Amino acid sequence: MVDNSTPHEAAGYDAEILRTVPFYRLFHTETIDLVRTLAPDVSVWLDTGCGTGCLAEQALPLLPRVIFLMADPAPAMLERARARLATFPPERVRFLGALATEELTGAVPEPPQVISAVQCHHYGGKAARKAATEVCFNLLGKGGLYVTFENIRPETERGIEIGLDRWLRFQAEAGRPTQKVEEHRARFDTSYLPITVAEHLELLRAVGFTVVEILWLSQMQAGFYAIK
């Protein structure tokens, strides 16, 4: 049984995600670039659904004042993140525990100026996604920045078919076994529950963010940012 919500074991996650999601490295690159533009002096950054700590590893050297607060519902992911970030001073990386975003209320020791949620809020239904988004909004102070990336739903049934065909071809050409590729198609609307770009923007506005924008979009993934 896989030890987290993704189809990949935590031990092999970093290699497998690159063979599964097109342009995955850009999710972190774009997030960090946005933070360096809007909040270059950020002192507290909460990375919820932090996975193996790849985002924090890249951001820490570029933001000398930042303290990362790390949370993920999967203990195996947190174990990998602890090992990955062990070379950084412990005061710059604090682990909040095996917590989903919805469980973070009361668990965050100081208000973050930035919250990131990369590929972690599309596993529940719309109510769960809304609850997670509301928690992020409430944790941020005025002017705080929220960045999220998720798998998205194309606008039409034909668009879904085309998107999945492209996605599966990417995985096959990246060397994933045929069985794994087909299993991935079956995850759409079962293991993960994507919403459209328009629904993402509507949700961010509905919970109270005053600035809501698309950060990045390609194939069946998108990134969004919102300012409180």
C-alpha atoms as a PDB file:
ATOM      1  CA  MET A   1       0.000   0.000   0.000  1.00  0.00           C
ATOM      2  CA  VAL A   2       1.340   3.445  -0.929  1.00  0.00           C
ATOM      3  CA  ASP A   3       2.384   5.464   2.140  1.00  0.00           C
ATOM      4  CA  ASN A   4       0.809   8.788   1.099  1.00  0.00           C
ATOM      5  CA  SER A   5      -2.031  10.217  -1.028  1.00  0.00           C
ATOM      6  CA  THR A   6      -0.034  10.168  -4.263  1.00  0.00           C
ATOM      7  CA  PRO A   7       0.462   7.004  -6.358  1.00  0.00           C
ATOM      8  CA  HIS A   8       4.194   7.020  -5.506  1.00  0.00           C
ATOM      9  CA  GLU A   9       5.974   5.680  -2.429  1.00  0.00           C
ATOM     10  CA  ALA A  10       7.646   8.491  -0.471  1.00  0.00           C
ATOM     11  CA  ALA A  11      11.069   6.879  -0.938  1.00  0.00           C
ATOM     12  CA  GLY A  12      10.819   7.173  -4.718  1.00  0.00           C
ATOM     13  CA  TYR A  13       8.570  10.194  -4.961  1.00  0.00           C
ATOM     14  CA  ASP A  14      11.081  12.732  -6.279  1.00  0.00           C
ATOM     15  CA  ALA A  15      12.097  10.605  -9.253  1.00  0.00           C
ATOM     16  CA  GLU A  16       8.595   9.355 -10.058  1.00  0.00           C
ATOM     17  CA  ILE A  17       6.844  12.726  -9.921  1.00  0.00           C
ATOM     18  CA  LEU A  18       9.155  14.026 -12.651  1.00  0.00           C
ATOM     19  CA  ARG A  19       8.085  11.111 -14.862  1.00  0.00           C
ATOM     20  CA  THR A  20       4.425  11.659 -14.025  1.00  0.00           C
ATOM     21  CA  VAL A  21       3.706  15.406 -14.086  1.00  0.00           C
ATOM     22  CA  PRO A  22       4.923  17.534 -17.009  1.00  0.00           C
ATOM     23  CA  PHE A  23       6.987  20.589 -15.994  1.00  0.00           C
ATOM     24  CA  TYR A  24       6.807  19.667 -12.312  1.00  0.00           C
ATOM     25  CA  ARG A  25      10.070  21.456 -11.492  1.00  0.00           C
ATOM     26  CA  LEU A  26       8.498  24.694 -12.698  1.00  0.00           C
ATOM     27  CA  PHE A  27       5.869  24.530  -9.948  1.00  0.00           C
ATOM     28  CA  HIS A  28       8.600  25.229  -7.416  1.00  0.00           C
ATOM     29  CA  THR A  29      10.556  27.612  -9.640  1.00  0.00           C
ATOM     30  CA  GLU A  30       7.498  29.768 -10.317  1.00  0.00           C
ATOM     31  CA  THR A  31       6.434  29.751  -6.669  1.00  0.00           C
ATOM     32  CA  ILE A  32       9.849  30.864  -5.454  1.00  0.00           C
ATOM     33  CA  ASP A  33      10.121  33.530  -8.151  1.00  0.00           C
ATOM     34  CA  LEU A  34       6.749  34.966  -7.137  1.00  0.00           C
ATOM     35  CA  VAL A  35       7.701  35.026  -3.454  1.00  0.00           C
ATOM     36  CA  ARG A  36      11.022  36.707  -4.236  1.00  0.00           C
ATOM     37  CA  THR A  37       9.069  39.357  -6.142  1.00  0.00           C
ATOM     38  CA  LEU A  38       6.182  39.979  -3.743  1.00  0.00           C
ATOM     39  CA  ALA A  39       7.690  39.047  -0.374  1.00  0.00           C
ATOM     40  CA  PRO A  40      11.512  39.092  -0.613  1.00  0.00           C
ATOM     41  CA  ASP A  41      11.823  39.719   3.127  1.00  0.00           C
ATOM     42  CA  VAL A  42       9.468  36.913   4.127  1.00  0.00           C
ATOM     43  CA  SER A  43      10.297  35.595   7.577  1.00  0.00           C
ATOM     44  CA  VAL A  44       7.715  32.794   7.971  1.00  0.00           C
ATOM     45  CA  TRP A  45       6.633  30.523   5.111  1.00  0.00           C
ATOM     46  CA  LEU A  46       4.216  27.642   5.710  1.00  0.00           C
ATOM     47  CA  ASP A  47       4.521  24.815   3.190  1.00  0.00           C
ATOM     48  CA  THR A  48       1.482  22.616   3.636  1.00  0.00           C
ATOM     49  CA  GLY A  49       1.522  19.279   1.855  1.00  0.00           C
ATOM     50  CA  CYS A  50       5.284  19.779   1.857  1.00  0.00           C
ATOM     51  CA  GLY A  51       6.052  16.286   0.571  1.00  0.00           C
ATOM     52  CA  THR A  52       9.756  15.509   0.591  1.00  0.00           C
ATOM     53  CA  GLY A  53      10.808  19.122   1.169  1.00  0.00           C
ATOM     54  CA  CYS A  54      11.956  19.926  -2.363  1.00  0.00           C
ATOM     55  CA  LEU A  55      10.400  23.407  -2.411  1.00  0.00           C
ATOM     56  CA  ALA A  56      11.958  24.428   0.901  1.00  0.00           C
ATOM     57  CA  GLU A  57      15.338  23.067  -0.143  1.00  0.00           C
ATOM     58  CA  GLN A  58      15.349  25.356  -3.167  1.00  0.00           C
ATOM     59  CA  ALA A  59      13.942  28.423  -1.409  1.00  0.00           C
ATOM     60  CA  LEU A  60      16.023  28.486   1.782  1.00  0.00           C
ATOM     61  CA  PRO A  61      19.312  29.598   0.170  1.00  0.00           C
ATOM     62  CA  LEU A  62      17.529  32.363  -1.769  1.00  0.00           C
ATOM     63  CA  LEU A  63      15.607  33.844   1.175  1.00  0.00           C
ATOM     64  CA  PRO A  64      18.094  34.278   4.025  1.00  0.00           C
ATOM     65  CA  ARG A  65      15.539  35.469   6.605  1.00  0.00           C
ATOM     66  CA  VAL A  66      12.890  32.835   6.007  1.00  0.00           C
ATOM     67  CA  ILE A  67      11.794  30.182   8.479  1.00  0.00           C
ATOM     68  CA  PHE A  68       9.935  27.271   6.898  1.00  0.00           C
ATOM     69  CA  LEU A  69       7.033  25.628   8.718  1.00  0.00           C
ATOM     70  CA  MET A  70       6.507  22.169   7.265  1.00  0.00           C
ATOM     71  CA  ALA A  71       3.353  20.051   7.360  1.00  0.00           C
ATOM     72  CA  ASP A  72       2.177  16.985   5.467  1.00  0.00           C
ATOM     73  CA  PRO A  73      -0.467  14.376   6.318  1.00  0.00           C
ATOM     74  CA  ALA A  74       1.915  11.514   5.425  1.00  0.00           C
ATOM     75  CA  PRO A  75       4.565  10.644   8.062  1.00  0.00           C
ATOM     76  CA  ALA A  76       6.678   8.960   5.369  1.00  0.00           C
ATOM     77  CA  MET A  77       6.849  12.211   3.414  1.00  0.00           C
ATOM     78  CA  LEU A  78       7.875  14.144   6.521  1.00  0.00           C
ATOM     79  CA  GLU A  79      10.604  11.603   7.223  1.00  0.00           C
ATOM     80  CA  ARG A  80      12.044  12.215   3.762  1.00  0.00           C
ATOM     81  CA  ALA A  81      11.755  15.965   4.207  1.00  0.00           C
ATOM     82  CA  ARG A  82      13.585  15.862   7.546  1.00  0.00           C
ATOM     83  CA  ALA A  83      16.458  13.966   5.944  1.00  0.00           C
ATOM     84  CA  ARG A  84      16.573  16.273   2.940  1.00  0.00           C
ATOM     85  CA  LEU A  85      16.644  19.454   5.021  1.00  0.00           C
ATOM     86  CA  ALA A  86      18.949  18.209   7.770  1.00  0.00           C
ATOM     87  CA  THR A  87      21.844  20.343   6.530  1.00  0.00           C
ATOM     88  CA  PHE A  88      19.946  23.587   7.204  1.00  0.00           C
ATOM     89  CA  PRO A  89      20.017  25.147  10.703  1.00  0.00           C
ATOM     90  CA  PRO A  90      17.143  23.683  12.743  1.00  0.00           C
ATOM     91  CA  GLU A  91      15.847  27.150  13.600  1.00  0.00           C
ATOM     92  CA  ARG A  92      15.147  27.719   9.899  1.00  0.00           C
ATOM     93  CA  VAL A  93      13.054  24.566   9.367  1.00  0.00           C
ATOM     94  CA  ARG A  94      10.329  23.607  11.812  1.00  0.00           C
ATOM     95  CA  PHE A  95       8.148  20.543  11.374  1.00  0.00           C
ATOM     96  CA  LEU A  96       4.565  20.902  12.563  1.00  0.00           C
ATOM     97  CA  GLY A  97       3.760  17.216  12.250  1.00  0.00           C
ATOM     98  CA  ALA A  98       1.665  14.854  10.182  1.00  0.00           C
ATOM     99  CA  LEU A  99      -1.214  17.244   9.582  1.00  0.00           C
ATOM    100  CA  ALA A 100      -3.483  17.931   6.634  1.00  0.00           C
ATOM    101  CA  THR A 101      -4.165  21.577   5.860  1.00  0.00           C
ATOM    102  CA  GLU A 102      -7.608  21.364   7.466  1.00  0.00           C
ATOM    103  CA  GLU A 103      -5.909  20.367  10.732  1.00  0.00           C
ATOM    104  CA  LEU A 104      -3.492  23.303  10.914  1.00  0.00           C
ATOM    105  CA  THR A 105      -5.723  25.711  12.817  1.00  0.00           C
ATOM    106  CA  GLY A 106      -4.086  26.117  16.216  1.00  0.00           C
ATOM    107  CA  ALA A 107      -0.967  24.210  15.153  1.00  0.00           C
ATOM    108  CA  VAL A 108       0.935  27.083  13.516  1.00  0.00           C
ATOM    109  CA  PRO A 109       3.104  28.865  16.114  1.00  0.00           C
ATOM    110  CA  GLU A 110       3.304  32.226  14.319  1.00  0.00           C
ATOM    111  CA  PRO A 111       1.396  33.805  11.434  1.00  0.00           C
ATOM    112  CA  PRO A 112       3.015  33.065   8.075  1.00  0.00           C
ATOM    113  CA  GLN A 113       3.404  35.742   5.423  1.00  0.00           C
ATOM    114  CA  VAL A 114       3.429  33.058   2.717  1.00  0.00           C
ATOM    115  CA  ILE A 115       1.576  29.754   2.446  1.00  0.00           C
ATOM    116  CA  SER A 116       2.225  27.279  -0.363  1.00  0.00           C
ATOM    117  CA  ALA A 117       0.163  24.201  -1.200  1.00  0.00           C
ATOM    118  CA  VAL A 118       1.639  22.314  -4.155  1.00  0.00           C
ATOM    119  CA  GLN A 119      -0.358  19.371  -5.513  1.00  0.00           C
ATOM    120  CA  CYS A 120      -2.017  18.593  -2.180  1.00  0.00           C
ATOM    121  CA  HIS A 121      -5.599  19.920  -2.173  1.00  0.00           C
ATOM    122  CA  HIS A 122      -7.109  17.939  -5.056  1.00  0.00           C
ATOM    123  CA  TYR A 123      -7.522  14.650  -3.187  1.00  0.00           C
ATOM    124  CA  GLY A 124     -10.697  15.619  -1.334  1.00  0.00           C
ATOM    125  CA  GLY A 125     -13.983  16.852  -2.718  1.00  0.00           C
ATOM    126  CA  LYS A 126     -15.057  20.458  -3.093  1.00  0.00           C
ATOM    127  CA  ALA A 127     -15.978  20.781   0.583  1.00  0.00           C
ATOM    128  CA  ALA A 128     -12.551  19.558   1.699  1.00  0.00           C
ATOM    129  CA  ARG A 129     -10.790  21.868  -0.754  1.00  0.00           C
ATOM    130  CA  LYS A 130     -12.847  24.818   0.462  1.00  0.00           C
ATOM    131  CA  ALA A 131     -12.075  23.974   4.101  1.00  0.00           C
ATOM    132  CA  ALA A 132      -8.348  23.783   3.354  1.00  0.00           C
ATOM    133  CA  THR A 133      -8.424  27.071   1.458  1.00  0.00           C
ATOM    134  CA  GLU A 134     -10.283  28.789   4.289  1.00  0.00           C
ATOM    135  CA  VAL A 135      -7.686  27.589   6.792  1.00  0.00           C
ATOM    136  CA  CYS A 136      -4.919  29.069   4.641  1.00  0.00           C
ATOM    137  CA  PHE A 137      -6.808  32.354   4.337  1.00  0.00           C
ATOM    138  CA  ASN A 138      -7.392  32.570   8.085  1.00  0.00           C
ATOM    139  CA  LEU A 139      -3.765  31.775   8.946  1.00  0.00           C
ATOM    140  CA  LEU A 140      -2.428  34.595   6.780  1.00  0.00           C
ATOM    141  CA  GLY A 141      -2.264  38.182   7.955  1.00  0.00           C
ATOM    142  CA  LYS A 142      -3.379  41.102   5.808  1.00  0.00           C
ATOM    143  CA  GLY A 143      -1.258  41.220   2.674  1.00  0.00           C
ATOM    144  CA  GLY A 144      -0.291  37.559   3.058  1.00  0.00           C
ATOM    145  CA  LEU A 145       0.391  35.487  -0.061  1.00  0.00           C
ATOM    146  CA  TYR A 146      -1.146  32.099  -0.865  1.00  0.00           C
ATOM    147  CA  VAL A 147       0.208  29.985  -3.739  1.00  0.00           C
ATOM    148  CA  THR A 148      -1.355  26.715  -4.840  1.00  0.00           C
ATOM    149  CA  PHE A 149      -0.793  24.282  -7.706  1.00  0.00           C
ATOM    150  CA  GLU A 150      -3.252  21.530  -8.576  1.00  0.00           C
ATOM    151  CA  ASN A 151      -4.327  19.171 -11.302  1.00  0.00           C
ATOM    152  CA  ILE A 152      -7.214  20.834 -13.102  1.00  0.00           C
ATOM    153  CA  ARG A 153     -10.324  19.802 -15.027  1.00  0.00           C
ATOM    154  CA  PRO A 154     -10.645  20.938 -18.653  1.00  0.00           C
ATOM    155  CA  GLU A 155     -13.892  22.698 -19.544  1.00  0.00           C
ATOM    156  CA  THR A 156     -15.358  19.968 -21.782  1.00  0.00           C
ATOM    157  CA  GLU A 157     -15.524  16.187 -21.858  1.00  0.00           C
ATOM    158  CA  ARG A 158     -13.556  16.176 -25.105  1.00  0.00           C
ATOM    159  CA  GLY A 159     -11.009  18.450 -23.501  1.00  0.00           C
ATOM    160  CA  ILE A 160     -10.638  15.951 -20.653  1.00  0.00           C
ATOM    161  CA  GLU A 161     -10.023  13.125 -23.141  1.00  0.00           C
ATOM    162  CA  ILE A 162      -7.416  15.132 -25.030  1.00  0.00           C
ATOM    163  CA  GLY A 163      -5.728  16.266 -21.830  1.00  0.00           C
ATOM    164  CA  LEU A 164      -5.504  12.747 -20.455  1.00  0.00           C
ATOM    165  CA  ASP A 165      -4.205  11.385 -23.774  1.00  0.00           C
ATOM    166  CA  ARG A 166      -1.408  13.976 -23.788  1.00  0.00           C
ATOM    167  CA  TRP A 167      -0.638  13.351 -20.131  1.00  0.00           C
ATOM    168  CA  LEU A 168      -0.424   9.594 -20.607  1.00  0.00           C
ATOM    169  CA  ARG A 169       1.796   9.931 -23.643  1.00  0.00           C
ATOM    170  CA  PHE A 170       4.156  12.120 -21.606  1.00  0.00           C
ATOM    171  CA  GLN A 171       4.392   9.438 -18.930  1.00  0.00           C
ATOM    172  CA  ALA A 172       4.962   6.639 -21.433  1.00  0.00           C
ATOM    173  CA  GLU A 173       7.726   8.591 -23.160  1.00  0.00           C
ATOM    174  CA  ALA A 174       9.256   9.374 -19.751  1.00  0.00           C
ATOM    175  CA  GLY A 175       9.608   5.626 -19.174  1.00  0.00           C
ATOM    176  CA  ARG A 176       6.714   4.783 -16.872  1.00  0.00           C
ATOM    177  CA  PRO A 177       5.416   1.200 -17.310  1.00  0.00           C
ATOM    178  CA  THR A 178       2.249   0.812 -19.371  1.00  0.00           C
ATOM    179  CA  GLN A 179       0.302  -0.533 -16.397  1.00  0.00           C
ATOM    180  CA  LYS A 180       1.221   2.479 -14.267  1.00  0.00           C
ATOM    181  CA  VAL A 181       0.244   4.830 -17.069  1.00  0.00           C
ATOM    182  CA  GLU A 182      -3.185   3.235 -17.399  1.00  0.00           C
ATOM    183  CA  GLU A 183      -3.645   3.238 -13.628  1.00  0.00           C
ATOM    184  CA  HIS A 184      -2.956   6.950 -13.694  1.00  0.00           C
ATOM    185  CA  ARG A 185      -5.804   7.563 -16.150  1.00  0.00           C
ATOM    186  CA  ALA A 186      -8.145   5.737 -13.793  1.00  0.00           C
ATOM    187  CA  ARG A 187      -7.226   8.125 -10.955  1.00  0.00           C
ATOM    188  CA  PHE A 188      -8.999  11.050 -12.633  1.00  0.00           C
ATOM    189  CA  ASP A 189     -12.225  11.795 -10.714  1.00  0.00           C
ATOM    190  CA  THR A 190     -11.569   8.865  -8.361  1.00  0.00           C
ATOM    191  CA  SER A 191      -8.278   9.257  -6.454  1.00  0.00           C
ATOM    192  CA  TYR A 192      -8.061  12.961  -7.173  1.00  0.00           C
ATOM    193  CA  LEU A 193     -10.969  15.298  -7.881  1.00  0.00           C
ATOM    194  CA  PRO A 194      -9.983  18.251 -10.059  1.00  0.00           C
ATOM    195  CA  ILE A 195     -11.968  21.435 -10.643  1.00  0.00           C
ATOM    196  CA  THR A 196     -11.756  23.924 -13.500  1.00  0.00           C
ATOM    197  CA  VAL A 197      -9.615  27.043 -13.585  1.00  0.00           C
ATOM    198  CA  ALA A 198     -12.761  29.162 -13.271  1.00  0.00           C
ATOM    199  CA  GLU A 199     -13.828  27.227 -10.165  1.00  0.00           C
ATOM    200  CA  HIS A 200     -10.403  27.737  -8.603  1.00  0.00           C
ATOM    201  CA  LEU A 201     -10.583  31.485  -9.124  1.00  0.00           C
ATOM    202  CA  GLU A 202     -14.150  31.603  -7.795  1.00  0.00           C
ATOM    203  CA  LEU A 203     -13.170  29.667  -4.666  1.00  0.00           C
ATOM    204  CA  LEU A 204     -10.237  31.953  -3.867  1.00  0.00           C
ATOM    205  CA  ARG A 205     -12.448  35.016  -4.199  1.00  0.00           C
ATOM    206  CA  ALA A 206     -15.246  33.410  -2.186  1.00  0.00           C
ATOM    207  CA  VAL A 207     -13.048  32.758   0.869  1.00  0.00           C
ATOM    208  CA  GLY A 208     -12.017  36.434   0.894  1.00  0.00           C
ATOM    209  CA  PHE A 209      -8.801  36.956  -1.063  1.00  0.00           C
ATOM    210  CA  THR A 210      -8.695  40.420  -2.637  1.00  0.00           C
ATOM    211  CA  VAL A 211      -6.162  39.678  -5.390  1.00  0.00           C
ATOM    212  CA  VAL A 212      -6.649  36.400  -7.268  1.00  0.00           C
ATOM    213  CA  GLU A 213      -4.572  35.482 -10.320  1.00  0.00           C
ATOM    214  CA  ILE A 214      -3.396  32.591 -12.474  1.00  0.00           C
ATOM    215  CA  LEU A 215       0.325  32.063 -11.942  1.00  0.00           C
ATOM    216  CA  TRP A 216       0.981  29.224 -14.376  1.00  0.00           C
ATOM    217  CA  LEU A 217      -1.021  26.949 -16.670  1.00  0.00           C
ATOM    218  CA  SER A 218      -0.093  24.007 -18.879  1.00  0.00           C
ATOM    219  CA  GLN A 219      -1.969  20.911 -19.961  1.00  0.00           C
ATOM    220  CA  MET A 220      -3.839  19.603 -16.871  1.00  0.00           C
ATOM    221  CA  GLN A 221      -2.003  21.503 -14.126  1.00  0.00           C
ATOM    222  CA  ALA A 222      -2.310  25.105 -13.006  1.00  0.00           C
ATOM    223  CA  GLY A 223      -0.900  27.403 -10.368  1.00  0.00           C
ATOM    224  CA  PHE A 224      -2.748  30.266  -8.708  1.00  0.00           C
ATOM    225  CA  TYR A 225      -1.816  33.010  -6.293  1.00  0.00           C
ATOM    226  CA  ALA A 226      -3.961  35.092  -4.018  1.00  0.00           C
ATOM    227  CA  ILE A 227      -3.300  37.975  -1.640  1.00  0.00           C
ATOM    228  CA  LYS A 228      -5.313  38.594   1.515  1.00  0.00           C
END
